[in-house]
N, C-alpha and C. Protein backbone atom coordinates (compact mmCIF):
# COMPACT_ATOMS: atom_id res chain seq x y z
N MET A 1 0.76 -1.16 0.07
CA MET A 1 0.02 -0.17 -0.07
C MET A 1 1.07 1.21 -0.21
N THR A 2 0.50 2.23 -0.91
CA THR A 2 1.26 3.43 -0.96
C THR A 2 0.93 4.40 0.02
N GLN A 3 2.21 5.06 0.82
CA GLN A 3 1.89 5.79 1.99
C GLN A 3 1.36 7.18 1.76
N SER A 4 0.35 7.71 2.10
CA SER A 4 0.01 9.18 1.86
C SER A 4 1.05 10.10 1.72
N PRO A 5 0.93 11.02 0.72
CA PRO A 5 1.82 12.10 1.02
C PRO A 5 1.62 12.71 2.18
N ASN A 6 0.49 12.98 2.92
CA ASN A 6 0.29 13.93 4.13
C ASN A 6 0.64 12.70 5.30
N ALA A 7 1.25 11.65 5.08
CA ALA A 7 1.37 10.75 6.40
C ALA A 7 2.74 11.04 6.88
N PRO A 8 2.85 10.91 8.63
CA PRO A 8 4.31 11.19 8.71
C PRO A 8 5.20 10.19 8.38
N ALA A 9 6.46 10.82 7.84
CA ALA A 9 7.35 9.82 7.53
C ALA A 9 7.75 8.70 8.59
N ALA A 10 8.13 7.57 8.33
CA ALA A 10 8.49 6.59 9.06
C ALA A 10 10.09 6.88 9.79
N VAL A 11 9.81 7.26 11.30
CA VAL A 11 10.85 7.37 11.98
C VAL A 11 11.09 6.42 13.27
N SER A 12 12.20 6.08 13.38
CA SER A 12 12.45 4.92 14.33
C SER A 12 12.64 5.65 15.69
N GLY A 13 12.17 5.08 16.74
CA GLY A 13 12.43 5.70 18.23
C GLY A 13 13.56 5.31 18.47
N LYS A 14 14.26 6.50 19.30
CA LYS A 14 15.66 6.25 19.72
C LYS A 14 15.82 6.65 21.18
N PHE A 15 16.62 6.11 21.95
CA PHE A 15 16.94 6.27 23.39
C PHE A 15 18.39 7.09 23.52
N VAL A 16 17.82 8.09 24.29
CA VAL A 16 19.21 9.19 24.66
C VAL A 16 18.94 9.21 26.39
N THR A 17 20.19 9.14 26.73
CA THR A 17 20.41 9.12 28.22
C THR A 17 21.31 10.20 28.50
N PHE A 18 21.19 10.58 29.76
CA PHE A 18 21.93 11.98 30.26
C PHE A 18 22.71 11.03 31.24
N GLU A 19 24.06 11.28 31.69
CA GLU A 19 24.73 10.80 33.05
C GLU A 19 25.80 12.16 33.43
N GLY A 20 26.17 11.85 34.42
CA GLY A 20 27.04 12.82 35.18
C GLY A 20 27.10 12.81 36.59
N ILE A 21 28.26 13.02 37.55
CA ILE A 21 27.97 12.92 38.52
C ILE A 21 27.23 14.04 39.22
N ASP A 22 26.86 13.97 40.44
CA ASP A 22 25.85 14.84 41.26
C ASP A 22 26.56 16.29 41.35
N GLY A 23 25.93 17.32 40.86
CA GLY A 23 26.40 18.71 40.72
C GLY A 23 27.05 19.02 39.40
N ALA A 24 27.24 18.05 38.39
CA ALA A 24 27.89 18.14 37.11
C ALA A 24 26.86 19.26 36.09
N GLY A 25 25.63 19.36 36.49
CA GLY A 25 24.76 20.25 35.81
C GLY A 25 24.07 19.75 34.69
N LYS A 26 24.09 18.19 34.46
CA LYS A 26 23.23 17.64 33.41
C LYS A 26 21.34 18.24 33.59
N SER A 27 20.92 18.19 34.51
CA SER A 27 19.76 18.52 34.87
C SER A 27 19.25 19.76 34.34
N THR A 28 19.97 20.63 34.22
CA THR A 28 20.02 22.05 33.75
C THR A 28 19.54 21.98 32.37
N HIS A 29 20.09 21.09 31.70
CA HIS A 29 20.06 21.05 30.09
C HIS A 29 18.93 20.00 29.68
N VAL A 30 18.67 18.97 30.39
CA VAL A 30 17.87 17.85 29.83
C VAL A 30 16.22 18.58 29.34
N ASN A 31 16.06 19.32 30.47
CA ASN A 31 14.45 19.84 29.76
C ASN A 31 14.66 20.43 28.56
N ALA A 32 15.46 21.45 28.43
CA ALA A 32 15.74 22.13 26.92
C ALA A 32 15.95 21.02 25.81
N PHE A 33 16.65 20.06 26.12
CA PHE A 33 16.87 19.11 24.97
C PHE A 33 15.56 18.33 24.91
N VAL A 34 14.92 18.01 25.79
CA VAL A 34 13.45 17.41 25.17
C VAL A 34 12.81 18.23 24.83
N VAL A 35 12.68 19.69 24.95
CA VAL A 35 11.72 20.83 24.27
C VAL A 35 12.14 20.59 22.99
N ALA A 36 13.39 20.96 22.67
CA ALA A 36 14.02 20.93 21.05
C ALA A 36 13.70 19.68 20.55
N LEU A 37 13.94 18.29 21.09
CA LEU A 37 13.77 17.27 20.40
C LEU A 37 12.05 17.19 20.13
N ARG A 38 11.36 17.65 20.91
CA ARG A 38 9.91 17.44 20.63
C ARG A 38 9.47 18.36 19.35
N GLN A 39 9.90 19.44 19.14
CA GLN A 39 9.80 20.45 18.21
C GLN A 39 10.11 19.39 16.85
N GLY A 40 11.55 18.89 16.89
CA GLY A 40 11.93 18.65 15.73
C GLY A 40 11.30 17.11 15.33
N LEU A 41 10.37 16.46 16.18
CA LEU A 41 9.74 15.44 15.99
C LEU A 41 8.27 15.56 15.70
N ALA A 42 7.81 16.95 15.88
CA ALA A 42 6.44 17.08 15.91
C ALA A 42 6.04 16.92 14.34
N THR A 43 6.92 17.35 13.59
CA THR A 43 6.48 17.17 12.42
C THR A 43 6.22 15.82 11.59
N VAL A 44 6.81 14.61 12.17
CA VAL A 44 6.53 13.49 11.77
C VAL A 44 5.41 12.64 12.67
N GLY A 45 4.95 13.66 13.57
CA GLY A 45 4.10 12.73 14.52
C GLY A 45 4.88 11.87 15.60
N ARG A 46 5.45 12.29 15.87
CA ARG A 46 6.27 11.45 17.08
C ARG A 46 6.44 12.28 18.42
N ASP A 47 6.36 11.52 19.28
CA ASP A 47 6.57 12.17 20.91
C ASP A 47 8.02 11.78 21.52
N VAL A 48 8.18 12.74 22.63
CA VAL A 48 9.37 12.44 23.52
C VAL A 48 8.74 11.99 24.84
N VAL A 49 9.55 11.01 25.43
CA VAL A 49 9.15 10.51 26.64
C VAL A 49 10.15 10.70 27.49
N ALA A 50 10.06 11.81 28.46
CA ALA A 50 11.22 12.17 29.14
C ALA A 50 10.92 11.34 30.68
N THR A 51 11.91 11.01 31.08
CA THR A 51 12.00 9.91 32.09
C THR A 51 12.99 9.93 33.25
N ARG A 52 13.10 9.33 34.33
CA ARG A 52 14.56 9.27 35.01
C ARG A 52 14.86 7.82 35.74
N GLU A 53 16.00 7.87 36.12
CA GLU A 53 16.17 6.80 37.05
C GLU A 53 17.36 7.24 38.34
N PRO A 54 16.83 6.52 39.52
CA PRO A 54 15.91 5.64 39.72
C PRO A 54 14.60 6.47 39.51
N GLY A 55 13.48 5.58 39.21
CA GLY A 55 11.96 6.33 39.14
C GLY A 55 11.72 5.73 37.79
N GLY A 56 10.68 6.62 37.28
CA GLY A 56 10.46 6.42 35.89
C GLY A 56 8.72 5.74 35.73
N THR A 57 8.59 5.11 37.15
CA THR A 57 7.02 4.12 37.14
C THR A 57 6.92 4.60 38.43
N PRO A 58 5.61 4.30 39.00
CA PRO A 58 5.42 4.47 40.41
C PRO A 58 6.04 3.47 41.36
N LEU A 59 6.32 2.43 40.57
CA LEU A 59 7.33 1.40 41.57
C LEU A 59 8.77 1.91 41.52
N GLY A 60 9.18 2.35 40.33
CA GLY A 60 10.34 2.83 40.46
C GLY A 60 10.67 4.18 41.11
N GLU A 61 9.63 4.89 41.37
CA GLU A 61 9.92 6.26 42.34
C GLU A 61 9.58 5.84 43.93
N ALA A 62 8.95 4.53 44.23
CA ALA A 62 9.08 4.30 45.56
C ALA A 62 10.26 3.63 45.79
N LEU A 63 10.95 2.76 44.89
CA LEU A 63 11.95 2.23 44.99
C LEU A 63 13.07 3.54 45.00
N ARG A 64 13.10 4.52 44.19
CA ARG A 64 14.04 5.53 44.21
C ARG A 64 14.35 6.08 45.79
N LYS A 65 13.00 6.51 46.35
CA LYS A 65 13.20 6.98 47.95
C LYS A 65 14.00 6.04 48.82
N LEU A 66 13.90 4.69 48.28
CA LEU A 66 14.58 3.82 49.51
C LEU A 66 16.30 3.95 48.97
N VAL A 67 16.29 3.85 47.93
CA VAL A 67 17.73 3.71 47.45
C VAL A 67 18.59 5.30 47.74
N LEU A 68 17.83 6.33 47.65
CA LEU A 68 18.47 7.50 48.01
C LEU A 68 18.55 7.73 49.23
N ASP A 69 17.64 7.19 50.27
CA ASP A 69 17.48 7.78 51.57
C ASP A 69 17.73 6.71 52.34
N GLU A 70 17.76 5.47 52.19
CA GLU A 70 18.00 4.47 53.14
C GLU A 70 19.28 3.77 53.44
N SER A 71 19.97 3.48 54.17
CA SER A 71 21.23 2.56 54.37
C SER A 71 20.75 1.25 54.02
N MET A 72 21.67 0.81 53.17
CA MET A 72 21.68 -0.61 52.92
C MET A 72 22.92 -1.33 52.36
N ASP A 73 22.93 -2.75 52.15
CA ASP A 73 24.12 -3.46 51.60
C ASP A 73 24.16 -2.99 49.98
N ILE A 74 25.40 -2.96 49.95
CA ILE A 74 25.89 -2.57 48.56
C ILE A 74 24.97 -3.27 47.58
N GLU A 75 25.07 -4.94 47.73
CA GLU A 75 24.42 -5.54 46.82
C GLU A 75 23.07 -5.40 46.52
N THR A 76 22.11 -5.18 47.91
CA THR A 76 20.83 -4.84 47.95
C THR A 76 20.70 -3.58 47.08
N GLU A 77 21.50 -2.53 47.12
CA GLU A 77 21.49 -1.14 46.71
C GLU A 77 21.23 -1.54 44.93
N ALA A 78 22.26 -2.49 44.54
CA ALA A 78 22.30 -2.60 43.00
C ALA A 78 21.27 -3.21 42.55
N LEU A 79 20.79 -4.26 43.41
CA LEU A 79 19.28 -5.27 43.10
C LEU A 79 18.24 -4.48 42.63
N LEU A 80 18.08 -3.48 43.97
CA LEU A 80 17.20 -2.56 43.84
C LEU A 80 17.21 -1.56 42.49
N MET A 81 18.28 -1.10 42.41
CA MET A 81 18.37 -0.46 40.76
C MET A 81 18.18 -1.02 39.82
N PHE A 82 18.58 -2.41 39.67
CA PHE A 82 18.23 -3.04 38.50
C PHE A 82 16.53 -3.61 38.39
N ALA A 83 16.12 -3.76 39.43
CA ALA A 83 14.60 -4.07 39.70
C ALA A 83 13.75 -2.72 39.16
N GLY A 84 14.19 -1.75 39.38
CA GLY A 84 13.36 -0.47 38.96
C GLY A 84 13.49 -0.15 37.36
N ARG A 85 14.93 -0.48 37.04
CA ARG A 85 15.10 -0.55 35.43
C ARG A 85 14.44 -1.71 34.77
N ARG A 86 14.24 -2.73 35.64
CA ARG A 86 13.20 -3.71 34.51
C ARG A 86 12.07 -3.39 34.55
N GLU A 87 11.34 -2.51 35.59
CA GLU A 87 9.92 -2.29 35.82
C GLU A 87 9.96 -1.00 34.42
N HIS A 88 10.93 -0.24 34.49
CA HIS A 88 11.14 1.09 33.60
C HIS A 88 10.90 0.85 32.44
N LEU A 89 11.82 -0.58 31.82
CA LEU A 89 12.01 -0.94 30.52
C LEU A 89 10.34 -1.23 30.06
N VAL A 90 10.10 -2.28 31.03
CA VAL A 90 8.82 -2.89 30.20
C VAL A 90 7.71 -2.17 30.27
N LYS A 91 7.41 -1.22 31.34
CA LYS A 91 6.46 -0.27 31.29
C LYS A 91 6.79 1.06 30.42
N VAL A 92 7.55 1.63 30.48
CA VAL A 92 8.19 2.82 29.73
C VAL A 92 8.70 2.86 28.40
N ILE A 93 9.86 2.36 28.43
CA ILE A 93 11.08 2.68 27.60
C ILE A 93 10.39 1.97 26.38
N GLU A 94 10.67 0.71 26.45
CA GLU A 94 10.26 -0.53 25.32
C GLU A 94 8.89 -0.04 24.59
N PRO A 95 7.73 0.12 25.53
CA PRO A 95 6.64 0.74 24.79
C PRO A 95 6.86 1.96 24.25
N ALA A 96 7.31 3.08 24.55
CA ALA A 96 7.68 4.12 23.73
C ALA A 96 8.39 4.06 22.33
N LEU A 97 9.48 3.07 22.58
CA LEU A 97 10.56 2.91 21.50
C LEU A 97 9.71 1.97 20.13
N ALA A 98 8.59 1.12 20.78
CA ALA A 98 7.94 0.36 19.61
C ALA A 98 6.97 1.16 19.17
N ARG A 99 6.28 2.24 19.70
CA ARG A 99 5.73 3.34 19.14
C ARG A 99 6.30 4.19 18.04
N GLY A 100 7.42 4.07 18.12
CA GLY A 100 8.38 4.77 17.08
C GLY A 100 8.81 6.42 17.81
N ASP A 101 8.23 6.45 19.30
CA ASP A 101 8.51 7.95 20.12
C ASP A 101 10.10 7.67 20.67
N TRP A 102 10.55 8.71 20.94
CA TRP A 102 12.15 8.94 21.38
C TRP A 102 11.90 8.63 22.97
N VAL A 103 13.14 8.50 23.75
CA VAL A 103 12.93 8.36 25.17
C VAL A 103 14.17 9.00 25.33
N VAL A 104 13.90 10.00 26.37
CA VAL A 104 15.23 10.68 27.15
C VAL A 104 15.10 10.21 28.62
N SER A 105 16.24 9.90 29.06
CA SER A 105 16.11 9.53 30.43
C SER A 105 17.39 9.99 31.15
N ASP A 106 16.96 10.81 32.38
CA ASP A 106 18.09 11.33 33.28
C ASP A 106 18.76 10.18 33.94
N ARG A 107 19.79 9.40 33.70
CA ARG A 107 20.34 8.44 34.27
C ARG A 107 19.94 7.19 33.56
N PHE A 108 20.82 6.00 33.63
CA PHE A 108 20.51 4.62 33.24
C PHE A 108 21.55 3.85 33.63
N THR A 109 21.82 2.91 32.97
CA THR A 109 22.71 1.89 33.56
C THR A 109 24.08 2.10 33.74
N ASP A 110 24.66 3.30 32.94
CA ASP A 110 25.89 3.63 33.16
C ASP A 110 25.96 4.30 34.68
N ALA A 111 25.18 5.00 34.67
CA ALA A 111 25.05 5.25 36.42
C ALA A 111 25.14 4.33 37.29
N THR A 112 24.51 3.27 37.07
CA THR A 112 24.77 2.08 38.31
C THR A 112 26.31 1.54 38.29
N PHE A 113 26.86 1.30 37.17
CA PHE A 113 28.26 1.01 36.81
C PHE A 113 29.03 2.35 37.75
N ALA A 114 28.80 3.48 37.31
CA ALA A 114 29.61 4.39 38.03
C ALA A 114 29.64 4.30 39.54
N TYR A 115 28.27 4.39 40.23
CA TYR A 115 27.87 4.72 41.65
C TYR A 115 28.15 3.53 42.30
N GLN A 116 27.22 2.58 41.78
CA GLN A 116 27.42 1.18 42.53
C GLN A 116 28.81 0.35 42.27
N GLY A 117 29.52 0.36 40.92
CA GLY A 117 30.47 -0.15 40.94
C GLY A 117 31.87 0.64 41.30
N GLY A 118 31.87 1.58 40.41
CA GLY A 118 33.17 2.77 40.74
C GLY A 118 33.11 3.33 42.08
N GLY A 119 31.61 4.07 42.61
CA GLY A 119 31.64 4.52 43.65
C GLY A 119 31.91 3.56 45.03
N ARG A 120 31.26 2.41 45.03
CA ARG A 120 30.96 1.58 46.10
C ARG A 120 31.79 0.27 45.73
N GLY A 121 32.12 0.17 44.79
CA GLY A 121 33.25 -1.06 44.64
C GLY A 121 32.45 -2.21 44.34
N LEU A 122 31.49 -2.38 43.82
CA LEU A 122 30.70 -3.62 43.50
C LEU A 122 31.41 -4.26 42.17
N SER A 123 31.49 -5.46 42.35
CA SER A 123 32.22 -6.05 41.21
C SER A 123 31.40 -5.91 39.73
N ARG A 124 32.31 -5.46 38.99
CA ARG A 124 31.80 -5.05 37.45
C ARG A 124 31.17 -6.16 36.95
N ASP A 125 31.80 -7.41 37.09
CA ASP A 125 31.31 -8.64 36.63
C ASP A 125 29.52 -9.09 37.27
N LYS A 126 29.42 -8.82 38.54
CA LYS A 126 28.21 -8.92 38.94
C LYS A 126 27.24 -7.70 38.36
N LEU A 127 27.62 -6.35 38.30
CA LEU A 127 26.88 -5.76 37.41
C LEU A 127 26.69 -6.14 36.20
N SER A 128 27.56 -6.65 35.43
CA SER A 128 27.43 -6.99 33.90
C SER A 128 26.34 -8.19 33.48
N ILE A 129 26.47 -9.13 34.70
CA ILE A 129 25.26 -10.01 34.73
C ILE A 129 24.09 -9.66 34.82
N LEU A 130 23.80 -8.64 35.73
CA LEU A 130 22.65 -7.97 36.13
C LEU A 130 22.19 -7.33 34.73
N GLU A 131 23.02 -6.71 34.06
CA GLU A 131 22.79 -5.68 32.98
C GLU A 131 22.31 -6.67 31.99
N ARG A 132 22.88 -7.76 31.60
CA ARG A 132 22.42 -8.68 30.40
C ARG A 132 20.98 -9.21 30.89
N TRP A 133 20.84 -9.61 32.15
CA TRP A 133 19.60 -10.25 32.73
C TRP A 133 18.20 -9.29 32.21
N VAL A 134 18.79 -7.95 32.91
CA VAL A 134 17.60 -7.23 32.80
C VAL A 134 17.28 -6.72 31.61
N GLN A 135 18.25 -6.35 30.79
CA GLN A 135 18.19 -5.59 29.54
C GLN A 135 18.38 -6.34 28.35
N GLY A 136 18.55 -7.46 28.50
CA GLY A 136 19.16 -8.08 26.99
C GLY A 136 20.27 -7.38 26.28
N THR A 137 20.03 -6.88 25.08
CA THR A 137 20.73 -6.24 24.31
C THR A 137 20.44 -4.91 24.47
N ARG A 138 19.41 -4.32 25.05
CA ARG A 138 19.09 -2.87 24.98
C ARG A 138 20.29 -2.10 25.93
N GLN A 139 20.65 -1.11 24.79
CA GLN A 139 21.15 0.23 25.43
C GLN A 139 20.77 1.26 24.75
N PRO A 140 21.31 2.30 25.49
CA PRO A 140 20.87 3.59 24.58
C PRO A 140 21.77 3.88 23.42
N ASP A 141 20.93 4.43 22.55
CA ASP A 141 21.29 4.86 21.28
C ASP A 141 22.78 5.86 21.20
N LEU A 142 22.42 6.79 22.42
CA LEU A 142 23.16 7.71 22.51
C LEU A 142 23.16 8.40 23.97
N THR A 143 24.38 8.40 24.72
CA THR A 143 24.59 9.12 26.08
C THR A 143 25.46 9.86 25.99
N ILE A 144 24.89 10.77 26.59
CA ILE A 144 25.38 12.40 26.79
C ILE A 144 26.14 12.66 28.29
N LEU A 145 27.36 12.19 28.27
CA LEU A 145 28.00 12.58 29.55
C LEU A 145 28.72 13.72 30.27
N PHE A 146 27.96 14.45 31.21
CA PHE A 146 28.42 15.51 31.71
C PHE A 146 29.71 15.49 32.65
N ASP A 147 30.80 15.77 32.21
CA ASP A 147 32.17 15.42 32.84
C ASP A 147 32.55 16.66 33.84
N LEU A 148 32.47 16.49 34.83
CA LEU A 148 33.18 17.73 35.86
C LEU A 148 34.08 17.26 37.05
N ASP A 149 34.91 18.09 37.22
CA ASP A 149 35.99 17.88 38.52
C ASP A 149 34.97 17.67 39.86
N PRO A 150 35.14 16.74 40.41
CA PRO A 150 34.23 16.75 41.94
C PRO A 150 34.22 17.54 42.73
N ALA A 151 35.17 18.50 42.78
CA ALA A 151 35.34 19.54 43.65
C ALA A 151 34.50 20.69 43.18
N ILE A 152 34.44 20.82 41.78
CA ILE A 152 33.74 22.06 41.14
C ILE A 152 32.30 21.50 41.54
N ALA A 153 31.88 20.27 41.46
CA ALA A 153 30.67 19.37 41.43
C ALA A 153 30.04 19.92 42.95
N ALA A 154 30.90 19.30 43.88
CA ALA A 154 30.44 19.65 45.21
C ALA A 154 30.05 21.23 45.53
N ALA A 155 30.89 22.32 44.67
CA ALA A 155 30.75 23.69 45.50
C ALA A 155 29.49 23.68 44.64
N ARG A 156 29.25 23.45 43.61
CA ARG A 156 27.88 24.10 42.94
C ARG A 156 26.75 23.04 43.87
N LEU A 157 26.76 22.10 44.40
CA LEU A 157 25.75 21.45 45.41
C LEU A 157 25.54 22.15 46.52
N ALA A 158 26.80 22.80 47.27
CA ALA A 158 26.68 23.43 48.69
C ALA A 158 25.51 24.33 48.86
N GLY A 159 24.42 23.74 49.57
CA GLY A 159 23.49 24.71 50.20
C GLY A 159 22.30 24.70 49.18
N ALA A 160 22.49 23.77 47.88
CA ALA A 160 21.28 23.93 46.92
C ALA A 160 20.05 23.24 47.77
N ARG A 161 20.20 22.46 48.28
CA ARG A 161 19.10 21.59 48.78
C ARG A 161 19.68 20.41 49.85
N ALA A 162 18.59 19.93 50.39
CA ALA A 162 19.14 18.79 51.54
C ALA A 162 19.81 17.66 50.72
N PRO A 163 20.88 17.09 51.15
CA PRO A 163 21.51 16.29 50.39
C PRO A 163 20.91 15.05 50.62
N ASP A 164 20.64 13.84 49.42
CA ASP A 164 20.68 12.52 49.62
C ASP A 164 21.56 12.01 49.88
N LYS A 165 21.70 10.50 50.38
CA LYS A 165 22.93 9.66 50.70
C LYS A 165 23.93 9.74 49.90
N PHE A 166 23.74 9.91 48.66
CA PHE A 166 24.79 10.12 47.32
C PHE A 166 25.50 11.24 47.61
N GLU A 167 24.99 12.37 47.84
CA GLU A 167 25.27 13.54 47.42
C GLU A 167 26.13 14.07 48.90
N ARG A 168 25.85 13.53 49.85
CA ARG A 168 26.78 13.40 51.14
C ARG A 168 27.97 12.50 51.04
N GLU A 169 28.31 11.89 49.99
CA GLU A 169 29.48 10.81 49.90
C GLU A 169 30.57 11.73 49.83
N SER A 170 31.71 11.29 49.88
CA SER A 170 33.26 11.97 49.92
C SER A 170 33.71 12.18 48.67
N ALA A 171 34.79 13.23 48.62
CA ALA A 171 35.19 13.51 47.26
C ALA A 171 35.72 12.25 46.50
N ALA A 172 36.51 11.59 47.42
CA ALA A 172 37.20 10.39 46.77
C ALA A 172 36.14 9.49 46.09
N PHE A 173 34.90 9.20 46.56
CA PHE A 173 33.84 8.64 46.07
C PHE A 173 33.52 9.10 44.87
N PHE A 174 33.07 10.44 44.49
CA PHE A 174 32.83 11.05 43.47
C PHE A 174 33.93 11.05 42.37
N THR A 175 35.45 10.78 42.94
CA THR A 175 36.35 10.73 41.94
C THR A 175 36.54 9.33 41.51
N ARG A 176 36.12 8.37 41.96
CA ARG A 176 35.81 6.84 41.72
C ARG A 176 34.87 6.86 40.70
N VAL A 177 33.65 7.53 40.97
CA VAL A 177 32.46 7.66 39.92
C VAL A 177 32.62 8.17 38.77
N ARG A 178 33.54 9.32 38.78
CA ARG A 178 33.99 9.76 37.59
C ARG A 178 34.54 8.95 36.73
N GLU A 179 35.92 8.51 37.56
CA GLU A 179 36.54 7.62 36.72
C GLU A 179 35.79 6.65 35.90
N GLU A 180 35.07 5.93 36.65
CA GLU A 180 34.00 4.85 36.01
C GLU A 180 33.60 4.96 34.88
N TYR A 181 32.82 6.33 35.07
CA TYR A 181 32.13 6.82 33.61
C TYR A 181 33.06 7.19 32.89
N LEU A 182 34.23 7.69 32.99
CA LEU A 182 35.24 7.75 31.91
C LEU A 182 35.43 6.69 31.35
N ARG A 183 35.87 5.48 32.02
CA ARG A 183 36.15 4.12 31.42
C ARG A 183 34.72 3.58 30.65
N ARG A 184 33.66 3.97 30.89
CA ARG A 184 32.70 3.28 30.05
C ARG A 184 32.71 4.23 28.82
N ALA A 185 32.84 5.64 29.03
CA ALA A 185 33.00 6.26 27.65
C ALA A 185 33.99 5.65 26.68
N GLU A 186 35.35 5.66 27.19
CA GLU A 186 36.11 4.97 26.42
C GLU A 186 35.76 3.43 25.78
N GLU A 187 35.17 2.83 26.41
CA GLU A 187 34.59 1.55 25.96
C GLU A 187 33.64 1.34 25.19
N SER A 188 32.83 2.57 25.00
CA SER A 188 31.29 2.62 24.51
C SER A 188 31.32 2.75 22.93
N GLY A 189 32.37 2.58 22.38
CA GLY A 189 32.34 2.69 20.77
C GLY A 189 31.53 3.86 20.19
N GLY A 190 31.84 4.93 21.07
CA GLY A 190 31.09 6.31 20.53
C GLY A 190 29.86 6.66 21.03
N ARG A 191 29.02 5.61 21.64
CA ARG A 191 27.71 5.73 22.05
C ARG A 191 27.93 6.98 23.28
N ILE A 192 28.64 6.97 24.18
CA ILE A 192 28.88 8.25 24.97
C ILE A 192 29.66 9.17 24.28
N VAL A 193 28.89 10.47 24.37
CA VAL A 193 29.50 11.64 23.95
C VAL A 193 29.62 12.49 25.44
N LEU A 194 31.02 12.83 25.31
CA LEU A 194 31.61 13.81 26.38
C LEU A 194 31.15 15.37 26.31
N ILE A 195 30.59 15.57 27.45
CA ILE A 195 30.29 17.30 27.32
C ILE A 195 31.20 17.54 28.75
N ASP A 196 32.19 18.56 28.27
CA ASP A 196 32.96 19.37 29.46
C ASP A 196 31.95 20.52 30.43
N ALA A 197 31.35 19.72 31.43
CA ALA A 197 30.57 20.67 32.19
C ALA A 197 31.01 22.12 32.88
N ALA A 198 32.54 21.97 33.28
CA ALA A 198 33.18 23.04 33.78
C ALA A 198 32.74 24.39 32.60
N GLN A 199 32.12 24.21 31.52
CA GLN A 199 32.07 25.34 30.33
C GLN A 199 30.91 26.16 30.86
N SER A 200 30.67 27.55 30.27
CA SER A 200 29.44 27.96 30.49
C SER A 200 27.89 27.14 30.18
N ILE A 201 26.98 27.60 30.67
CA ILE A 201 25.67 27.13 30.33
C ILE A 201 25.51 27.19 28.90
N ASP A 202 25.95 28.49 28.20
CA ASP A 202 25.67 28.74 26.73
C ASP A 202 26.69 27.92 25.83
N ALA A 203 28.05 27.57 26.51
CA ALA A 203 28.81 26.72 25.72
C ALA A 203 28.42 25.34 25.50
N ILE A 204 27.82 25.16 26.93
CA ILE A 204 27.22 23.60 27.18
C ILE A 204 26.08 23.48 25.97
N ALA A 205 25.27 24.62 25.96
CA ALA A 205 24.14 24.40 25.04
C ALA A 205 24.37 24.50 23.45
N GLY A 206 25.40 25.10 23.26
CA GLY A 206 25.98 25.10 21.96
C GLY A 206 26.56 23.66 21.74
N GLN A 207 27.13 22.70 22.57
CA GLN A 207 27.48 21.67 22.11
C GLN A 207 26.45 20.64 22.13
N LEU A 208 25.51 20.99 22.95
CA LEU A 208 24.31 19.97 22.55
C LEU A 208 23.56 20.14 21.54
N ALA A 209 23.41 21.47 20.94
CA ALA A 209 22.65 21.89 19.60
C ALA A 209 23.66 21.06 18.52
N ASP A 210 24.93 20.85 18.78
CA ASP A 210 25.82 19.84 17.62
C ASP A 210 25.31 18.73 17.90
N VAL A 211 25.07 18.12 19.15
CA VAL A 211 24.76 16.77 19.45
C VAL A 211 23.31 16.59 18.61
N PHE A 212 22.22 17.45 18.95
CA PHE A 212 21.18 17.20 18.55
C PHE A 212 21.27 17.33 17.06
N ALA A 213 21.82 18.14 16.26
CA ALA A 213 21.89 17.96 15.05
C ALA A 213 22.33 16.57 14.15
N ARG A 214 23.24 16.00 15.02
CA ARG A 214 23.51 14.79 14.45
C ARG A 214 22.64 13.48 14.83
N LEU A 215 21.57 13.65 15.23
CA LEU A 215 20.53 13.03 15.71
C LEU A 215 19.42 12.48 14.40
N GLY A 216 19.66 13.08 13.23
CA GLY A 216 19.38 12.40 11.97
C GLY A 216 17.40 12.75 11.83
N LEU A 217 17.23 13.73 12.74
CA LEU A 217 15.58 14.30 12.54
C LEU A 217 15.62 14.48 11.12
N PRO A 218 14.38 14.63 10.72
CA PRO A 218 13.66 15.42 9.43
C PRO A 218 13.95 16.63 9.62
N GLY A 219 14.60 17.30 8.50
CA GLY A 219 14.63 18.55 8.56
C GLY A 219 16.20 19.11 9.15
N HIS A 220 16.95 18.13 9.85
CA HIS A 220 18.32 18.41 10.24
C HIS A 220 19.40 17.78 9.73
């Protein structure tokens, strides 16, 4: 059957994630990125699902409160992260991609490797087993990593709000988290794009505009 000339063009859904240590500033730019993406996809009848981890579903949000506020065994923490992620995938991410919509998530599995792996010291092998079990082959199509010196990030966070248990961690913890993020970036085969988060907001916005232009949207 011939497609009507007025029908939306076929556009495959894509999965984009934002990552970075606490205080790197990624949350400042996620919303603007989602707005720009929605505008770019509107002409082809597609939407953008903006979500986050931990969270993204009612169960995920309940687990988020536990993970961010409660003290627990490191393996319990990792298991809760992946339990919430499985629900997130089944209820939100995969259905959106199947519709041809795009998903933009504030954190995904790279954060678990960085925080529970690099920061807490949990075995990468254990995390990799959980990653394969929970996700299969699903990975983000693009990950935007905001990279920043932990000392600068800590100064940005100081007094901003009541810190959760991760934000109360030491500079050494966040140095390990950053190192694991950078290791993941090196091994990502180009999936992870580094943003120098020490730049001005305008400079970062310019870099994100370049990333946006490479997403292959109609008219870009």
